[in-house]
């Protein structure tokens, strides 16, 4: 391995990255955070679906309603993050394939 690359890898291994977002464990986490911050997903379809969820949950106690709503939102966020990360990885693979036809 090139000694400059080895030195750079050694330097980076010793540094704690500051992504500007405390929950980010990787640069991809930080990219996802900043992407969703700049492009919130709050379209009419999603608002309508949450209204449908609210209507269905209105039959439950407040505590049960909060629990189901919280799990639903967590599920949505996890799905969104997973899709974003997969999209970045697929984009990187596509770039690599286009470079080496």
C-alpha atoms as a PDB file:
ATOM      1  CA  UNK A   1       0.000   0.000   0.000  1.00  0.00           C
ATOM      2  CA  UNK A   2       1.177   3.493  -0.776  1.00  0.00           C
ATOM      3  CA  UNK A   3       2.784   4.995   2.346  1.00  0.00           C
ATOM      4  CA  UNK A   4       0.746   8.192   1.988  1.00  0.00           C
ATOM      5  CA  UNK A   5      -2.484   6.219   2.021  1.00  0.00           C
ATOM      6  CA  UNK A   6      -1.250   4.244   5.034  1.00  0.00           C
ATOM      7  CA  UNK A   7      -0.391   7.484   6.870  1.00  0.00           C
ATOM      8  CA  UNK A   8      -3.780   8.973   6.014  1.00  0.00           C
ATOM      9  CA  UNK A   9      -5.610   5.853   7.250  1.00  0.00           C
ATOM     10  CA  UNK A  10      -3.574   5.915  10.460  1.00  0.00           C
ATOM     11  CA  UNK A  11      -4.347   9.607  10.997  1.00  0.00           C
ATOM     12  CA  UNK A  12      -8.079   9.118  10.375  1.00  0.00           C
ATOM     13  CA  UNK A  13      -8.205   6.127  12.742  1.00  0.00           C
ATOM     14  CA  UNK A  14      -6.880   8.348  15.554  1.00  0.00           C
ATOM     15  CA  UNK A  15      -9.363  11.185  14.959  1.00  0.00           C
ATOM     16  CA  UNK A  16     -12.914  11.381  16.237  1.00  0.00           C
ATOM     17  CA  UNK A  17     -15.038  12.746  13.423  1.00  0.00           C
ATOM     18  CA  UNK A  18     -17.407  15.606  14.130  1.00  0.00           C
ATOM     19  CA  UNK A  19     -20.281  15.349  11.678  1.00  0.00           C
ATOM     20  CA  UNK A  20     -22.178  18.249  13.222  1.00  0.00           C
ATOM     21  CA  UNK A  21     -24.956  15.889  14.311  1.00  0.00           C
ATOM     22  CA  UNK A  22     -24.440  14.185  17.665  1.00  0.00           C
ATOM     23  CA  UNK A  23     -26.396  11.001  16.847  1.00  0.00           C
ATOM     24  CA  UNK A  24     -24.411  10.321  13.657  1.00  0.00           C
ATOM     25  CA  UNK A  25     -22.231   7.253  13.928  1.00  0.00           C
ATOM     26  CA  UNK A  26     -21.047   7.545  10.338  1.00  0.00           C
ATOM     27  CA  UNK A  27     -20.874  10.026   7.522  1.00  0.00           C
ATOM     28  CA  UNK A  28     -23.827   8.254   5.899  1.00  0.00           C
ATOM     29  CA  UNK A  29     -25.894   8.887   9.075  1.00  0.00           C
ATOM     30  CA  UNK A  30     -24.996  12.575   8.892  1.00  0.00           C
ATOM     31  CA  UNK A  31     -25.892  12.739   5.190  1.00  0.00           C
ATOM     32  CA  UNK A  32     -29.274  11.165   5.930  1.00  0.00           C
ATOM     33  CA  UNK A  33     -29.939  13.628   8.761  1.00  0.00           C
ATOM     34  CA  UNK A  34     -29.064  16.672   6.678  1.00  0.00           C
ATOM     35  CA  UNK A  35     -30.962  15.342   3.644  1.00  0.00           C
ATOM     36  CA  UNK A  36     -34.164  14.794   5.644  1.00  0.00           C
ATOM     37  CA  UNK A  37     -33.732  18.139   7.365  1.00  0.00           C
ATOM     38  CA  UNK A  38     -33.525  19.910   3.997  1.00  0.00           C
ATOM     39  CA  UNK A  39     -36.194  17.722   2.320  1.00  0.00           C
ATOM     40  CA  UNK A  40     -38.901  16.903   4.856  1.00  0.00           C
ATOM     41  CA  UNK A  41     -41.319  14.183   3.809  1.00  0.00           C
ATOM     42  CA  UNK A  42     -44.647  15.768   4.600  1.00  0.00           C
ATOM     43  CA  UNK A  43     -46.768  15.364   1.521  1.00  0.00           C
ATOM     44  CA  UNK A  44     -50.540  15.204   1.265  1.00  0.00           C
ATOM     45  CA  UNK A  45     -50.553  11.395   1.009  1.00  0.00           C
ATOM     46  CA  UNK A  46     -48.529  10.992   4.191  1.00  0.00           C
ATOM     47  CA  UNK A  47     -50.675  13.507   6.081  1.00  0.00           C
ATOM     48  CA  UNK A  48     -53.774  11.607   4.923  1.00  0.00           C
ATOM     49  CA  UNK A  49     -52.319   8.277   6.081  1.00  0.00           C
ATOM     50  CA  UNK A  50     -51.464   9.719   9.492  1.00  0.00           C
ATOM     51  CA  UNK A  51     -55.024  11.065   9.740  1.00  0.00           C
ATOM     52  CA  UNK A  52     -56.275   7.537   8.999  1.00  0.00           C
ATOM     53  CA  UNK A  53     -53.966   6.229  11.712  1.00  0.00           C
ATOM     54  CA  UNK A  54     -55.246   8.862  14.140  1.00  0.00           C
ATOM     55  CA  UNK A  55     -58.829   7.830  13.374  1.00  0.00           C
ATOM     56  CA  UNK A  56     -58.037   4.165  13.997  1.00  0.00           C
ATOM     57  CA  UNK A  57     -56.116   4.929  17.200  1.00  0.00           C
ATOM     58  CA  UNK A  58     -58.890   7.102  18.617  1.00  0.00           C
ATOM     59  CA  UNK A  59     -60.535   3.899  19.881  1.00  0.00           C
ATOM     60  CA  UNK A  60     -57.559   3.172  22.142  1.00  0.00           C
ATOM     61  CA  UNK A  61     -56.585   4.622  25.485  1.00  0.00           C
ATOM     62  CA  UNK A  62     -54.254   7.610  25.368  1.00  0.00           C
ATOM     63  CA  UNK A  63     -51.283   5.495  26.571  1.00  0.00           C
ATOM     64  CA  UNK A  64     -51.921   2.763  24.001  1.00  0.00           C
ATOM     65  CA  UNK A  65     -52.443   5.365  21.288  1.00  0.00           C
ATOM     66  CA  UNK A  66     -49.120   7.040  22.121  1.00  0.00           C
ATOM     67  CA  UNK A  67     -47.302   3.704  22.116  1.00  0.00           C
ATOM     68  CA  UNK A  68     -48.671   2.619  18.723  1.00  0.00           C
ATOM     69  CA  UNK A  69     -48.083   6.070  17.236  1.00  0.00           C
ATOM     70  CA  UNK A  70     -44.507   6.135  18.529  1.00  0.00           C
ATOM     71  CA  UNK A  71     -43.754   2.675  17.110  1.00  0.00           C
ATOM     72  CA  UNK A  72     -45.305   3.678  13.790  1.00  0.00           C
ATOM     73  CA  UNK A  73     -43.201   6.818  13.507  1.00  0.00           C
ATOM     74  CA  UNK A  74     -40.051   4.881  14.483  1.00  0.00           C
ATOM     75  CA  UNK A  75     -40.866   2.309  11.794  1.00  0.00           C
ATOM     76  CA  UNK A  76     -41.319   5.069   9.189  1.00  0.00           C
ATOM     77  CA  UNK A  77     -38.019   6.704  10.128  1.00  0.00           C
ATOM     78  CA  UNK A  78     -36.167   3.365  10.035  1.00  0.00           C
ATOM     79  CA  UNK A  79     -37.623   2.552   6.633  1.00  0.00           C
ATOM     80  CA  UNK A  80     -36.734   6.002   5.292  1.00  0.00           C
ATOM     81  CA  UNK A  81     -33.159   5.763   6.570  1.00  0.00           C
ATOM     82  CA  UNK A  82     -32.699   2.259   5.192  1.00  0.00           C
ATOM     83  CA  UNK A  83     -34.010   3.343   1.773  1.00  0.00           C
ATOM     84  CA  UNK A  84     -31.765   6.425   1.745  1.00  0.00           C
ATOM     85  CA  UNK A  85     -28.657   4.405   2.632  1.00  0.00           C
ATOM     86  CA  UNK A  86     -29.477   1.725   0.057  1.00  0.00           C
ATOM     87  CA  UNK A  87     -29.950   4.444  -2.564  1.00  0.00           C
ATOM     88  CA  UNK A  88     -26.521   5.921  -1.815  1.00  0.00           C
ATOM     89  CA  UNK A  89     -24.907   2.473  -1.986  1.00  0.00           C
ATOM     90  CA  UNK A  90     -26.651   1.633  -5.253  1.00  0.00           C
ATOM     91  CA  UNK A  91     -25.622   5.009  -6.662  1.00  0.00           C
ATOM     92  CA  UNK A  92     -22.002   4.302  -5.731  1.00  0.00           C
ATOM     93  CA  UNK A  93     -22.200   0.884  -7.374  1.00  0.00           C
ATOM     94  CA  UNK A  94     -23.743   2.412 -10.505  1.00  0.00           C
ATOM     95  CA  UNK A  95     -20.966   5.008 -10.654  1.00  0.00           C
ATOM     96  CA  UNK A  96     -18.356   2.248 -10.362  1.00  0.00           C
ATOM     97  CA  UNK A  97     -20.008   0.161 -13.074  1.00  0.00           C
ATOM     98  CA  UNK A  98     -20.260   3.146 -15.418  1.00  0.00           C
ATOM     99  CA  UNK A  99     -16.546   3.837 -14.914  1.00  0.00           C
ATOM    100  CA  UNK A 100     -15.643   0.228 -15.844  1.00  0.00           C
ATOM    101  CA  UNK A 101     -18.043  -0.875 -18.606  1.00  0.00           C
END
